[in-house]
Amino acid sequence: MADEQYLTSLQPFILLAKSATGRAAADLVMQATAAPGCFVFSELLEMPNIQALANTSDGRRYFDLLKIFAYGWYGDYRDNAKNLPPLSASHLHKLKQLSLITLSSKGPRNLTYTSLQRTLDLPSTRALEDLTISAIYAHLLVAKLDTKAARIEVSSTAGRDVAPEEIPDMIATLKNWCRQCEDVLGDIDEQVRCVQREAIARKRAADEYERVVAMRKEIIKSEEKGGGGSSGGGMGPGIPSGVPSGGGVAGKGKRVISEGDESAIRGSGGWGEDDEMEIDEGPFDGVTSTSSGGPGGANTSKRRTKKGLGSGLGGILGSRQGRR
């Protein structure tokens, strides 16, 4: 936006330069360089009548002055002041404003108060601050004044005209930048390929894991269908052979006696209907409990048994030995 404003301010002088020659062209240069809001001059510098000033000894001075305003700075004028036209206060003020742009591009070391006062021939810190503030309001700089550190912090600057001798350096800089961009893009592409390879490897590992799990499941299912009914002569999978399905050892520590055992007890005269005795909770003598739900464990409830417990048990044992 600011560059368009600068070009708009220059347009009247470009139109006048089409017809101005000789002394009129020289006066036009002085008017354009002093005009407020006019900070670019390359279009005016390229006009044929302005170029013609370089062919005369007197006109050469004005042509060189216009080049300094286009892409030079205050030091260029100061070093060649004897060969250039004298400048008014408005000329000097504008040239120093443009010089702030040039010095900002050279690094922060050139933006200390001391350095700028010496370089721009400013009499005081106040004069430097006023110059900087005017450049900021003219949209030449985006900057802050750090009075404590005595320096100017520049964030960005407006563009200036490019000198012909600067073009090769600009081309080299752009080529170097392009190479760096290509290197960065190459690194990014390599990282993308590496991530893709890792993703493929993880996918293969996950697929292999799922395949192995599915195969194991099929093997387990086939084993259950083929031999899981009464393995080892027991009553079911995982039940040892010789243990009755009713369980000689049942939950809650209860003992279950089959009908045959009961008949044997009754036949042996083990006990009568009215004979009963109490048995305390806790394990039998000589039997160590191995679990809370085992025989004689903590869950064993009171049981009423017949007085003829000893003979009844003897009858059971005898009956079982006879069966064997």
C-alpha atoms as a PDB file:
ATOM      1  CA  MET A   1       0.000   0.000   0.000  1.00  0.00           C
ATOM      2  CA  ALA A   2       2.796   2.452   0.899  1.00  0.00           C
ATOM      3  CA  ASP A   3       4.688   1.689  -2.332  1.00  0.00           C
ATOM      4  CA  GLU A   4       1.582   2.548  -4.351  1.00  0.00           C
ATOM      5  CA  GLN A   5       1.335   5.872  -2.529  1.00  0.00           C
ATOM      6  CA  TYR A   6       4.974   6.619  -3.330  1.00  0.00           C
ATOM      7  CA  LEU A   7       4.401   5.867  -7.030  1.00  0.00           C
ATOM      8  CA  THR A   8       1.304   8.039  -7.046  1.00  0.00           C
ATOM      9  CA  SER A   9       3.338  10.929  -5.634  1.00  0.00           C
ATOM     10  CA  LEU A  10       5.932  10.444  -8.384  1.00  0.00           C
ATOM     11  CA  GLN A  11       3.473  10.364 -11.309  1.00  0.00           C
ATOM     12  CA  PRO A  12       3.261  14.165 -11.854  1.00  0.00           C
ATOM     13  CA  PHE A  13       7.040  14.391 -12.206  1.00  0.00           C
ATOM     14  CA  ILE A  14       7.113  11.481 -14.656  1.00  0.00           C
ATOM     15  CA  LEU A  15       4.579  13.275 -16.857  1.00  0.00           C
ATOM     16  CA  LEU A  16       6.598  16.501 -16.751  1.00  0.00           C
ATOM     17  CA  ALA A  17       9.812  14.636 -17.569  1.00  0.00           C
ATOM     18  CA  LYS A  18       8.404  13.636 -20.966  1.00  0.00           C
ATOM     19  CA  SER A  19       8.756  17.205 -22.195  1.00  0.00           C
ATOM     20  CA  ALA A  20      11.361  18.742 -19.868  1.00  0.00           C
ATOM     21  CA  THR A  21      14.902  19.033 -21.223  1.00  0.00           C
ATOM     22  CA  GLY A  22      18.140  20.667 -20.144  1.00  0.00           C
ATOM     23  CA  ARG A  23      17.748  23.056 -17.253  1.00  0.00           C
ATOM     24  CA  ALA A  24      14.036  22.224 -16.892  1.00  0.00           C
ATOM     25  CA  ALA A  25      14.894  18.578 -16.389  1.00  0.00           C
ATOM     26  CA  ALA A  26      17.479  19.515 -13.727  1.00  0.00           C
ATOM     27  CA  ASP A  27      14.915  21.648 -11.902  1.00  0.00           C
ATOM     28  CA  LEU A  28      12.466  18.763 -12.103  1.00  0.00           C
ATOM     29  CA  VAL A  29      14.994  16.550 -10.307  1.00  0.00           C
ATOM     30  CA  MET A  30      15.307  19.052  -7.470  1.00  0.00           C
ATOM     31  CA  GLN A  31      11.527  19.341  -7.158  1.00  0.00           C
ATOM     32  CA  ALA A  32      10.956  15.585  -7.090  1.00  0.00           C
ATOM     33  CA  THR A  33      13.644  14.924  -4.491  1.00  0.00           C
ATOM     34  CA  ALA A  34      12.174  17.553  -2.160  1.00  0.00           C
ATOM     35  CA  ALA A  35       8.505  16.634  -2.645  1.00  0.00           C
ATOM     36  CA  PRO A  36       6.814  15.234   0.476  1.00  0.00           C
ATOM     37  CA  GLY A  37       5.661  11.616   0.236  1.00  0.00           C
ATOM     38  CA  CYS A  38       7.839  10.868  -2.796  1.00  0.00           C
ATOM     39  CA  PHE A  39      10.366   8.179  -1.818  1.00  0.00           C
ATOM     40  CA  VAL A  40      10.937   6.131  -5.009  1.00  0.00           C
ATOM     41  CA  PHE A  41      12.659   7.524  -8.083  1.00  0.00           C
ATOM     42  CA  SER A  42      13.670   4.694 -10.439  1.00  0.00           C
ATOM     43  CA  GLU A  43      10.789   5.385 -12.867  1.00  0.00           C
ATOM     44  CA  LEU A  44      11.849   9.022 -13.106  1.00  0.00           C
ATOM     45  CA  LEU A  45      15.490   8.001 -13.444  1.00  0.00           C
ATOM     46  CA  GLU A  46      14.681   5.861 -16.480  1.00  0.00           C
ATOM     47  CA  MET A  47      13.006   8.678 -18.419  1.00  0.00           C
ATOM     48  CA  PRO A  48      15.016   9.560 -21.589  1.00  0.00           C
ATOM     49  CA  ASN A  49      15.176  13.290 -20.833  1.00  0.00           C
ATOM     50  CA  ILE A  50      16.509  12.577 -17.347  1.00  0.00           C
ATOM     51  CA  GLN A  51      19.034  10.097 -18.742  1.00  0.00           C
ATOM     52  CA  ALA A  52      20.213  12.827 -21.083  1.00  0.00           C
ATOM     53  CA  LEU A  53      21.402  14.887 -18.098  1.00  0.00           C
ATOM     54  CA  ALA A  54      24.299  12.434 -17.673  1.00  0.00           C
ATOM     55  CA  ASN A  55      25.729  13.597 -21.022  1.00  0.00           C
ATOM     56  CA  THR A  56      26.457  17.185 -19.904  1.00  0.00           C
ATOM     57  CA  SER A  57      28.882  18.378 -17.252  1.00  0.00           C
ATOM     58  CA  ASP A  58      26.312  20.503 -15.417  1.00  0.00           C
ATOM     59  CA  GLY A  59      23.442  18.042 -15.835  1.00  0.00           C
ATOM     60  CA  ARG A  60      25.596  15.171 -14.570  1.00  0.00           C
ATOM     61  CA  ARG A  61      25.484  16.610 -11.066  1.00  0.00           C
ATOM     62  CA  TYR A  62      21.678  16.411 -10.976  1.00  0.00           C
ATOM     63  CA  PHE A  63      21.632  12.959 -12.473  1.00  0.00           C
ATOM     64  CA  ASP A  64      24.050  11.683  -9.800  1.00  0.00           C
ATOM     65  CA  LEU A  65      21.977  13.363  -7.078  1.00  0.00           C
ATOM     66  CA  LEU A  66      18.843  11.592  -8.309  1.00  0.00           C
ATOM     67  CA  LYS A  67      20.673   8.235  -8.161  1.00  0.00           C
ATOM     68  CA  ILE A  68      21.646   8.913  -4.538  1.00  0.00           C
ATOM     69  CA  PHE A  69      17.999   9.558  -3.651  1.00  0.00           C
ATOM     70  CA  ALA A  70      16.953   6.431  -5.546  1.00  0.00           C
ATOM     71  CA  TYR A  71      19.295   3.869  -3.961  1.00  0.00           C
ATOM     72  CA  GLY A  72      22.054   5.696  -2.099  1.00  0.00           C
ATOM     73  CA  TRP A  73      22.245   7.187   1.385  1.00  0.00           C
ATOM     74  CA  TYR A  74      23.398  10.286   3.242  1.00  0.00           C
ATOM     75  CA  GLY A  75      27.039   9.150   3.390  1.00  0.00           C
ATOM     76  CA  ASP A  76      27.217   9.047  -0.426  1.00  0.00           C
ATOM     77  CA  TYR A  77      26.158  12.678  -0.628  1.00  0.00           C
ATOM     78  CA  ARG A  78      28.443  13.785   2.197  1.00  0.00           C
ATOM     79  CA  ASP A  79      31.491  12.190   0.555  1.00  0.00           C
ATOM     80  CA  ASN A  80      30.766  13.837  -2.821  1.00  0.00           C
ATOM     81  CA  ALA A  81      29.086  17.083  -1.750  1.00  0.00           C
ATOM     82  CA  LYS A  82      31.530  19.213  -3.781  1.00  0.00           C
ATOM     83  CA  ASN A  83      30.439  17.582  -7.039  1.00  0.00           C
ATOM     84  CA  LEU A  84      26.710  17.669  -6.273  1.00  0.00           C
ATOM     85  CA  PRO A  85      24.088  20.418  -6.045  1.00  0.00           C
ATOM     86  CA  PRO A  86      23.552  21.959  -2.595  1.00  0.00           C
ATOM     87  CA  LEU A  87      20.586  20.586  -0.695  1.00  0.00           C
ATOM     88  CA  SER A  88      17.894  22.359   1.256  1.00  0.00           C
ATOM     89  CA  ALA A  89      16.729  21.292   4.725  1.00  0.00           C
ATOM     90  CA  SER A  90      13.823  19.333   3.203  1.00  0.00           C
ATOM     91  CA  HIS A  91      16.243  17.512   0.876  1.00  0.00           C
ATOM     92  CA  LEU A  92      18.535  16.589   3.756  1.00  0.00           C
ATOM     93  CA  HIS A  93      15.651  15.459   5.959  1.00  0.00           C
ATOM     94  CA  LYS A  94      14.287  13.135   3.261  1.00  0.00           C
ATOM     95  CA  LEU A  95      17.724  11.750   2.428  1.00  0.00           C
ATOM     96  CA  LYS A  96      18.339  10.931   6.091  1.00  0.00           C
ATOM     97  CA  GLN A  97      14.932   9.240   6.318  1.00  0.00           C
ATOM     98  CA  LEU A  98      15.867   7.052   3.340  1.00  0.00           C
ATOM     99  CA  SER A  99      19.251   6.396   4.936  1.00  0.00           C
ATOM    100  CA  LEU A 100      17.509   4.828   7.949  1.00  0.00           C
ATOM    101  CA  ILE A 101      16.121   2.156   5.596  1.00  0.00           C
ATOM    102  CA  THR A 102      19.572   1.423   4.188  1.00  0.00           C
ATOM    103  CA  LEU A 103      21.228   1.285   7.607  1.00  0.00           C
ATOM    104  CA  SER A 104      18.482  -0.973   8.975  1.00  0.00           C
ATOM    105  CA  SER A 105      19.317  -3.575   6.327  1.00  0.00           C
ATOM    106  CA  LYS A 106      22.931  -3.743   7.521  1.00  0.00           C
ATOM    107  CA  GLY A 107      22.170  -5.059  11.001  1.00  0.00           C
ATOM    108  CA  PRO A 108      21.333  -3.900  14.526  1.00  0.00           C
ATOM    109  CA  ARG A 109      24.866  -2.668  15.220  1.00  0.00           C
ATOM    110  CA  ASN A 110      24.157   0.327  12.993  1.00  0.00           C
ATOM    111  CA  LEU A 111      21.005   1.314  14.875  1.00  0.00           C
ATOM    112  CA  THR A 112      22.415   2.467  18.185  1.00  0.00           C
ATOM    113  CA  TYR A 113      21.862   6.087  19.040  1.00  0.00           C
ATOM    114  CA  THR A 114      25.584   6.815  19.072  1.00  0.00           C
ATOM    115  CA  SER A 115      26.220   5.213  15.684  1.00  0.00           C
ATOM    116  CA  LEU A 116      23.253   6.882  13.984  1.00  0.00           C
ATOM    117  CA  GLN A 117      24.079  10.331  15.337  1.00  0.00           C
ATOM    118  CA  ARG A 118      27.605  10.042  14.020  1.00  0.00           C
ATOM    119  CA  THR A 119      26.639   8.532  10.650  1.00  0.00           C
ATOM    120  CA  LEU A 120      23.805  10.968   9.888  1.00  0.00           C
ATOM    121  CA  ASP A 121      25.458  14.069  11.384  1.00  0.00           C
ATOM    122  CA  LEU A 122      22.667  14.634  13.890  1.00  0.00           C
ATOM    123  CA  PRO A 123      23.409  17.123  16.665  1.00  0.00           C
ATOM    124  CA  SER A 124      21.491  15.420  19.496  1.00  0.00           C
ATOM    125  CA  THR A 125      19.528  12.411  20.613  1.00  0.00           C
ATOM    126  CA  ARG A 126      16.338  14.445  20.300  1.00  0.00           C
ATOM    127  CA  ALA A 127      17.081  15.156  16.634  1.00  0.00           C
ATOM    128  CA  LEU A 128      17.618  11.427  16.009  1.00  0.00           C
ATOM    129  CA  GLU A 129      14.365  10.494  17.712  1.00  0.00           C
ATOM    130  CA  ASP A 130      12.443  13.144  15.739  1.00  0.00           C
ATOM    131  CA  LEU A 131      13.914  11.828  12.483  1.00  0.00           C
ATOM    132  CA  THR A 132      12.985   8.253  13.362  1.00  0.00           C
ATOM    133  CA  ILE A 133       9.447   9.188  14.365  1.00  0.00           C
ATOM    134  CA  SER A 134       8.932  11.062  11.084  1.00  0.00           C
ATOM    135  CA  ALA A 135      10.155   8.001   9.146  1.00  0.00           C
ATOM    136  CA  ILE A 136       7.720   5.802  11.068  1.00  0.00           C
ATOM    137  CA  TYR A 137       4.790   8.124  10.266  1.00  0.00           C
ATOM    138  CA  ALA A 138       5.850   8.175   6.613  1.00  0.00           C
ATOM    139  CA  HIS A 139       5.566   4.328   6.625  1.00  0.00           C
ATOM    140  CA  LEU A 140       9.258   3.947   5.861  1.00  0.00           C
ATOM    141  CA  LEU A 141       9.916   1.993   9.064  1.00  0.00           C
ATOM    142  CA  VAL A 142       8.096  -0.183  11.543  1.00  0.00           C
ATOM    143  CA  ALA A 143      10.228   0.425  14.615  1.00  0.00           C
ATOM    144  CA  LYS A 144      10.346   1.240  18.326  1.00  0.00           C
ATOM    145  CA  LEU A 145      12.617   3.590  20.221  1.00  0.00           C
ATOM    146  CA  ASP A 146      14.363   1.864  23.108  1.00  0.00           C
ATOM    147  CA  THR A 147      15.498   4.885  25.089  1.00  0.00           C
ATOM    148  CA  LYS A 148      16.805   2.781  27.974  1.00  0.00           C
ATOM    149  CA  ALA A 149      19.153   0.779  25.731  1.00  0.00           C
ATOM    150  CA  ALA A 150      19.707   3.814  23.452  1.00  0.00           C
ATOM    151  CA  ARG A 151      18.879   2.025  20.212  1.00  0.00           C
ATOM    152  CA  ILE A 152      16.182   1.668  17.562  1.00  0.00           C
ATOM    153  CA  GLU A 153      14.454  -1.700  17.167  1.00  0.00           C
ATOM    154  CA  VAL A 154      13.313  -2.052  13.544  1.00  0.00           C
ATOM    155  CA  SER A 155      10.748  -4.734  12.652  1.00  0.00           C
ATOM    156  CA  SER A 156      10.404  -3.997   8.928  1.00  0.00           C
ATOM    157  CA  THR A 157      11.136  -1.325   6.337  1.00  0.00           C
ATOM    158  CA  ALA A 158       9.705  -0.070   3.066  1.00  0.00           C
ATOM    159  CA  GLY A 159      11.375  -1.099  -0.171  1.00  0.00           C
ATOM    160  CA  ARG A 160      13.799   1.122  -2.017  1.00  0.00           C
ATOM    161  CA  ASP A 161      14.924   1.237  -5.624  1.00  0.00           C
ATOM    162  CA  VAL A 162      17.532  -1.343  -6.617  1.00  0.00           C
ATOM    163  CA  ALA A 163      20.881  -0.200  -7.951  1.00  0.00           C
ATOM    164  CA  PRO A 164      22.030  -1.945 -11.172  1.00  0.00           C
ATOM    165  CA  GLU A 165      25.216  -3.188  -9.493  1.00  0.00           C
ATOM    166  CA  GLU A 166      23.148  -4.854  -6.765  1.00  0.00           C
ATOM    167  CA  ILE A 167      21.235  -7.103  -9.173  1.00  0.00           C
ATOM    168  CA  PRO A 168      23.920  -9.856  -9.460  1.00  0.00           C
ATOM    169  CA  ASP A 169      24.107 -10.101  -5.669  1.00  0.00           C
ATOM    170  CA  MET A 170      20.324 -10.336  -5.465  1.00  0.00           C
ATOM    171  CA  ILE A 171      20.287 -13.115  -8.071  1.00  0.00           C
ATOM    172  CA  ALA A 172      22.980 -15.026  -6.171  1.00  0.00           C
ATOM    173  CA  THR A 173      21.052 -14.611  -2.924  1.00  0.00           C
ATOM    174  CA  LEU A 174      17.842 -15.880  -4.522  1.00  0.00           C
ATOM    175  CA  LYS A 175      19.632 -18.890  -6.030  1.00  0.00           C
ATOM    176  CA  ASN A 176      21.127 -19.748  -2.656  1.00  0.00           C
ATOM    177  CA  TRP A 177      17.695 -19.453  -1.088  1.00  0.00           C
ATOM    178  CA  CYS A 178      16.244 -21.774  -3.752  1.00  0.00           C
ATOM    179  CA  ARG A 179      18.943 -24.367  -3.019  1.00  0.00           C
ATOM    180  CA  GLN A 180      18.191 -24.204   0.673  1.00  0.00           C
ATOM    181  CA  CYS A 181      14.477 -24.647  -0.050  1.00  0.00           C
ATOM    182  CA  GLU A 182      15.242 -27.707  -2.196  1.00  0.00           C
ATOM    183  CA  ASP A 183      17.385 -29.183   0.584  1.00  0.00           C
ATOM    184  CA  VAL A 184      14.622 -28.627   3.120  1.00  0.00           C
ATOM    185  CA  LEU A 185      12.036 -30.182   0.793  1.00  0.00           C
ATOM    186  CA  GLY A 186      14.331 -33.172   0.263  1.00  0.00           C
ATOM    187  CA  ASP A 187      14.659 -33.659   4.018  1.00  0.00           C
ATOM    188  CA  ILE A 188      10.892 -33.418   4.452  1.00  0.00           C
ATOM    189  CA  ASP A 189      10.296 -35.980   1.684  1.00  0.00           C
ATOM    190  CA  GLU A 190      12.775 -38.388   3.281  1.00  0.00           C
ATOM    191  CA  GLN A 191      11.067 -38.032   6.656  1.00  0.00           C
ATOM    192  CA  VAL A 192       7.683 -38.691   5.024  1.00  0.00           C
ATOM    193  CA  ARG A 193       9.025 -41.850   3.376  1.00  0.00           C
ATOM    194  CA  CYS A 194      10.519 -42.997   6.691  1.00  0.00           C
ATOM    195  CA  VAL A 195       7.179 -42.511   8.449  1.00  0.00           C
ATOM    196  CA  GLN A 196       5.416 -44.436   5.680  1.00  0.00           C
ATOM    197  CA  ARG A 197       7.862 -47.334   5.973  1.00  0.00           C
ATOM    198  CA  GLU A 198       7.374 -47.476   9.731  1.00  0.00           C
ATOM    199  CA  ALA A 199       3.586 -47.428   9.300  1.00  0.00           C
ATOM    200  CA  ILE A 200       3.754 -50.322   6.820  1.00  0.00           C
ATOM    201  CA  ALA A 201       5.965 -52.317   9.203  1.00  0.00           C
ATOM    202  CA  ARG A 202       3.560 -51.721  12.100  1.00  0.00           C
ATOM    203  CA  LYS A 203       0.622 -52.783   9.919  1.00  0.00           C
ATOM    204  CA  ARG A 204       2.369 -55.998   8.932  1.00  0.00           C
ATOM    205  CA  ALA A 205       3.213 -56.779  12.552  1.00  0.00           C
ATOM    206  CA  ALA A 206      -0.392 -56.154  13.615  1.00  0.00           C
ATOM    207  CA  ASP A 207      -1.724 -58.367  10.809  1.00  0.00           C
ATOM    208  CA  GLU A 208       0.691 -61.160  11.745  1.00  0.00           C
ATOM    209  CA  TYR A 209      -0.363 -60.905  15.376  1.00  0.00           C
ATOM    210  CA  GLU A 210      -4.045 -61.140  14.434  1.00  0.00           C
ATOM    211  CA  ARG A 211      -3.312 -64.139  12.210  1.00  0.00           C
ATOM    212  CA  VAL A 212      -1.491 -65.981  15.007  1.00  0.00           C
ATOM    213  CA  VAL A 213      -4.268 -65.206  17.499  1.00  0.00           C
ATOM    214  CA  ALA A 214      -6.933 -66.480  15.091  1.00  0.00           C
ATOM    215  CA  MET A 215      -4.931 -69.664  14.458  1.00  0.00           C
ATOM    216  CA  ARG A 216      -4.558 -70.300  18.199  1.00  0.00           C
ATOM    217  CA  LYS A 217      -8.273 -69.855  18.679  1.00  0.00           C
ATOM    218  CA  GLU A 218      -9.027 -72.401  15.944  1.00  0.00           C
ATOM    219  CA  ILE A 219      -6.619 -74.907  17.502  1.00  0.00           C
ATOM    220  CA  ILE A 220      -8.243 -74.512  20.916  1.00  0.00           C
ATOM    221  CA  LYS A 221     -11.736 -74.940  19.438  1.00  0.00           C
ATOM    222  CA  SER A 222     -10.725 -78.096  17.553  1.00  0.00           C
ATOM    223  CA  GLU A 223      -9.125 -79.588  20.681  1.00  0.00           C
ATOM    224  CA  GLU A 224     -12.269 -78.916  22.710  1.00  0.00           C
ATOM    225  CA  LYS A 225     -14.469 -80.560  20.062  1.00  0.00           C
ATOM    226  CA  GLY A 226     -12.202 -83.594  19.604  1.00  0.00           C
ATOM    227  CA  GLY A 227     -11.230 -84.707  23.132  1.00  0.00           C
ATOM    228  CA  GLY A 228     -12.674 -82.455  25.772  1.00  0.00           C
ATOM    229  CA  GLY A 229     -15.607 -84.729  26.957  1.00  0.00           C
ATOM    230  CA  SER A 230     -14.180 -87.315  29.474  1.00  0.00           C
ATOM    231  CA  SER A 231     -10.436 -87.062  29.269  1.00  0.00           C
ATOM    232  CA  GLY A 232      -8.508 -89.478  31.575  1.00  0.00           C
ATOM    233  CA  GLY A 233     -11.644 -91.412  32.664  1.00  0.00           C
ATOM    234  CA  GLY A 234     -12.830 -88.581  34.903  1.00  0.00           C
ATOM    235  CA  MET A 235     -16.326 -87.104  35.036  1.00  0.00           C
ATOM    236  CA  GLY A 236     -15.510 -84.070  32.905  1.00  0.00           C
ATOM    237  CA  PRO A 237     -12.749 -81.829  31.679  1.00  0.00           C
ATOM    238  CA  GLY A 238     -10.330 -80.939  34.416  1.00  0.00           C
ATOM    239  CA  ILE A 239     -11.842 -83.366  36.988  1.00  0.00           C
ATOM    240  CA  PRO A 240      -9.430 -86.109  38.132  1.00  0.00           C
ATOM    241  CA  SER A 241     -10.389 -89.767  37.705  1.00  0.00           C
ATOM    242  CA  GLY A 242     -11.929 -91.473  40.716  1.00  0.00           C
ATOM    243  CA  VAL A 243     -13.663 -88.399  42.136  1.00  0.00           C
ATOM    244  CA  PRO A 244     -17.469 -88.865  42.153  1.00  0.00           C
ATOM    245  CA  SER A 245     -19.532 -86.323  40.277  1.00  0.00           C
ATOM    246  CA  GLY A 246     -21.468 -85.565  43.430  1.00  0.00           C
ATOM    247  CA  GLY A 247     -18.152 -84.889  45.065  1.00  0.00           C
ATOM    248  CA  GLY A 248     -16.771 -86.651  48.084  1.00  0.00           C
ATOM    249  CA  VAL A 249     -15.763 -83.099  48.857  1.00  0.00           C
ATOM    250  CA  ALA A 250     -18.552 -80.608  48.195  1.00  0.00           C
ATOM    251  CA  GLY A 251     -18.824 -76.854  48.584  1.00  0.00           C
ATOM    252  CA  LYS A 252     -19.132 -75.409  52.056  1.00  0.00           C
ATOM    253  CA  GLY A 253     -17.341 -78.463  53.515  1.00  0.00           C
ATOM    254  CA  LYS A 254     -20.377 -80.795  53.269  1.00  0.00           C
ATOM    255  CA  ARG A 255     -19.927 -84.558  52.892  1.00  0.00           C
ATOM    256  CA  VAL A 256     -22.405 -86.278  50.603  1.00  0.00           C
ATOM    257  CA  ILE A 257     -23.189 -89.974  51.226  1.00  0.00           C
ATOM    258  CA  SER A 258     -24.769 -91.966  48.433  1.00  0.00           C
ATOM    259  CA  GLU A 259     -27.808 -94.224  48.914  1.00  0.00           C
ATOM    260  CA  GLY A 260     -25.649 -97.348  48.788  1.00  0.00           C
ATOM    261  CA  ASP A 261     -23.409 -96.078  51.542  1.00  0.00           C
ATOM    262  CA  GLU A 262     -26.418 -95.202  53.660  1.00  0.00           C
ATOM    263  CA  SER A 263     -27.888 -98.690  53.195  1.00  0.00           C
ATOM    264  CA  ALA A 264     -24.592-100.188  54.209  1.00  0.00           C
ATOM    265  CA  ILE A 265     -24.562 -98.126  57.331  1.00  0.00           C
ATOM    266  CA  ARG A 266     -28.124 -99.073  58.192  1.00  0.00           C
ATOM    267  CA  GLY A 267     -27.452-102.738  57.416  1.00  0.00           C
ATOM    268  CA  SER A 268     -24.492-102.834  59.714  1.00  0.00           C
ATOM    269  CA  GLY A 269     -26.539-101.488  62.583  1.00  0.00           C
ATOM    270  CA  GLY A 270     -24.574 -98.314  62.652  1.00  0.00           C
ATOM    271  CA  TRP A 271     -27.186 -96.083  64.286  1.00  0.00           C
ATOM    272  CA  GLY A 272     -30.813 -95.760  65.012  1.00  0.00           C
ATOM    273  CA  GLU A 273     -33.340 -93.027  64.304  1.00  0.00           C
ATOM    274  CA  ASP A 274     -33.144 -91.472  67.731  1.00  0.00           C
ATOM    275  CA  ASP A 275     -29.420 -91.543  68.356  1.00  0.00           C
ATOM    276  CA  GLU A 276     -27.705 -88.246  67.552  1.00  0.00           C
ATOM    277  CA  MET A 277     -24.527 -86.420  68.529  1.00  0.00           C
ATOM    278  CA  GLU A 278     -23.051 -82.982  67.915  1.00  0.00           C
ATOM    279  CA  ILE A 279     -19.809 -82.461  66.018  1.00  0.00           C
ATOM    280  CA  ASP A 280     -18.046 -79.122  66.439  1.00  0.00           C
ATOM    281  CA  GLU A 281     -16.934 -76.955  63.546  1.00  0.00           C
ATOM    282  CA  GLY A 282     -13.311 -77.369  62.651  1.00  0.00           C
ATOM    283  CA  PRO A 283     -11.173 -80.083  61.163  1.00  0.00           C
ATOM    284  CA  PHE A 284     -11.189 -83.697  62.294  1.00  0.00           C
ATOM    285  CA  ASP A 285      -8.318 -84.859  64.435  1.00  0.00           C
ATOM    286  CA  GLY A 286      -5.301 -85.569  62.347  1.00  0.00           C
ATOM    287  CA  VAL A 287      -6.677 -83.774  59.217  1.00  0.00           C
ATOM    288  CA  THR A 288      -5.124 -80.486  58.192  1.00  0.00           C
ATOM    289  CA  SER A 289      -7.360 -78.092  56.257  1.00  0.00           C
ATOM    290  CA  THR A 290      -5.849 -76.865  52.999  1.00  0.00           C
ATOM    291  CA  SER A 291      -8.578 -74.465  51.950  1.00  0.00           C
ATOM    292  CA  SER A 292     -11.498 -72.642  53.430  1.00  0.00           C
ATOM    293  CA  GLY A 293     -13.933 -74.791  51.461  1.00  0.00           C
ATOM    294  CA  GLY A 294     -12.236 -78.176  52.054  1.00  0.00           C
ATOM    295  CA  PRO A 295     -13.177 -80.908  54.503  1.00  0.00           C
ATOM    296  CA  GLY A 296     -13.188 -79.668  58.062  1.00  0.00           C
ATOM    297  CA  GLY A 297     -12.501 -76.076  56.947  1.00  0.00           C
ATOM    298  CA  ALA A 298     -13.879 -72.891  58.415  1.00  0.00           C
ATOM    299  CA  ASN A 299     -17.056 -73.288  56.357  1.00  0.00           C
ATOM    300  CA  THR A 300     -17.864 -76.675  57.859  1.00  0.00           C
ATOM    301  CA  SER A 301     -21.317 -76.462  59.429  1.00  0.00           C
ATOM    302  CA  LYS A 302     -22.625 -78.374  62.419  1.00  0.00           C
ATOM    303  CA  ARG A 303     -23.719 -81.776  61.536  1.00  0.00           C
ATOM    304  CA  ARG A 304     -25.880 -84.199  63.459  1.00  0.00           C
ATOM    305  CA  THR A 305     -24.594 -87.750  63.086  1.00  0.00           C
ATOM    306  CA  LYS A 306     -25.514 -90.989  64.755  1.00  0.00           C
ATOM    307  CA  LYS A 307     -23.858 -92.329  67.824  1.00  0.00           C
ATOM    308  CA  GLY A 308     -22.687 -95.310  65.900  1.00  0.00           C
ATOM    309  CA  LEU A 309     -20.416 -93.187  63.736  1.00  0.00           C
ATOM    310  CA  GLY A 310     -17.448 -95.457  64.177  1.00  0.00           C
ATOM    311  CA  SER A 311     -19.280 -98.656  63.320  1.00  0.00           C
ATOM    312  CA  GLY A 312     -21.120 -96.975  60.491  1.00  0.00           C
ATOM    313  CA  LEU A 313     -17.888 -95.790  58.908  1.00  0.00           C
ATOM    314  CA  GLY A 314     -16.469 -99.232  59.371  1.00  0.00           C
ATOM    315  CA  GLY A 315     -19.455-100.649  57.530  1.00  0.00           C
ATOM    316  CA  ILE A 316     -18.951 -98.231  54.667  1.00  0.00           C
ATOM    317  CA  LEU A 317     -15.317 -99.132  54.329  1.00  0.00           C
ATOM    318  CA  GLY A 318     -16.126-102.806  54.439  1.00  0.00           C
ATOM    319  CA  SER A 319     -18.831-102.419  51.840  1.00  0.00           C
ATOM    320  CA  ARG A 320     -16.523-100.544  49.471  1.00  0.00           C
ATOM    321  CA  GLN A 321     -13.769-103.130  49.888  1.00  0.00           C
ATOM    322  CA  GLY A 322     -16.282-105.826  49.040  1.00  0.00           C
ATOM    323  CA  ARG A 323     -17.256-103.980  45.855  1.00  0.00           C
ATOM    324  CA  ARG A 324     -13.651-103.715  44.799  1.00  0.00           C
END
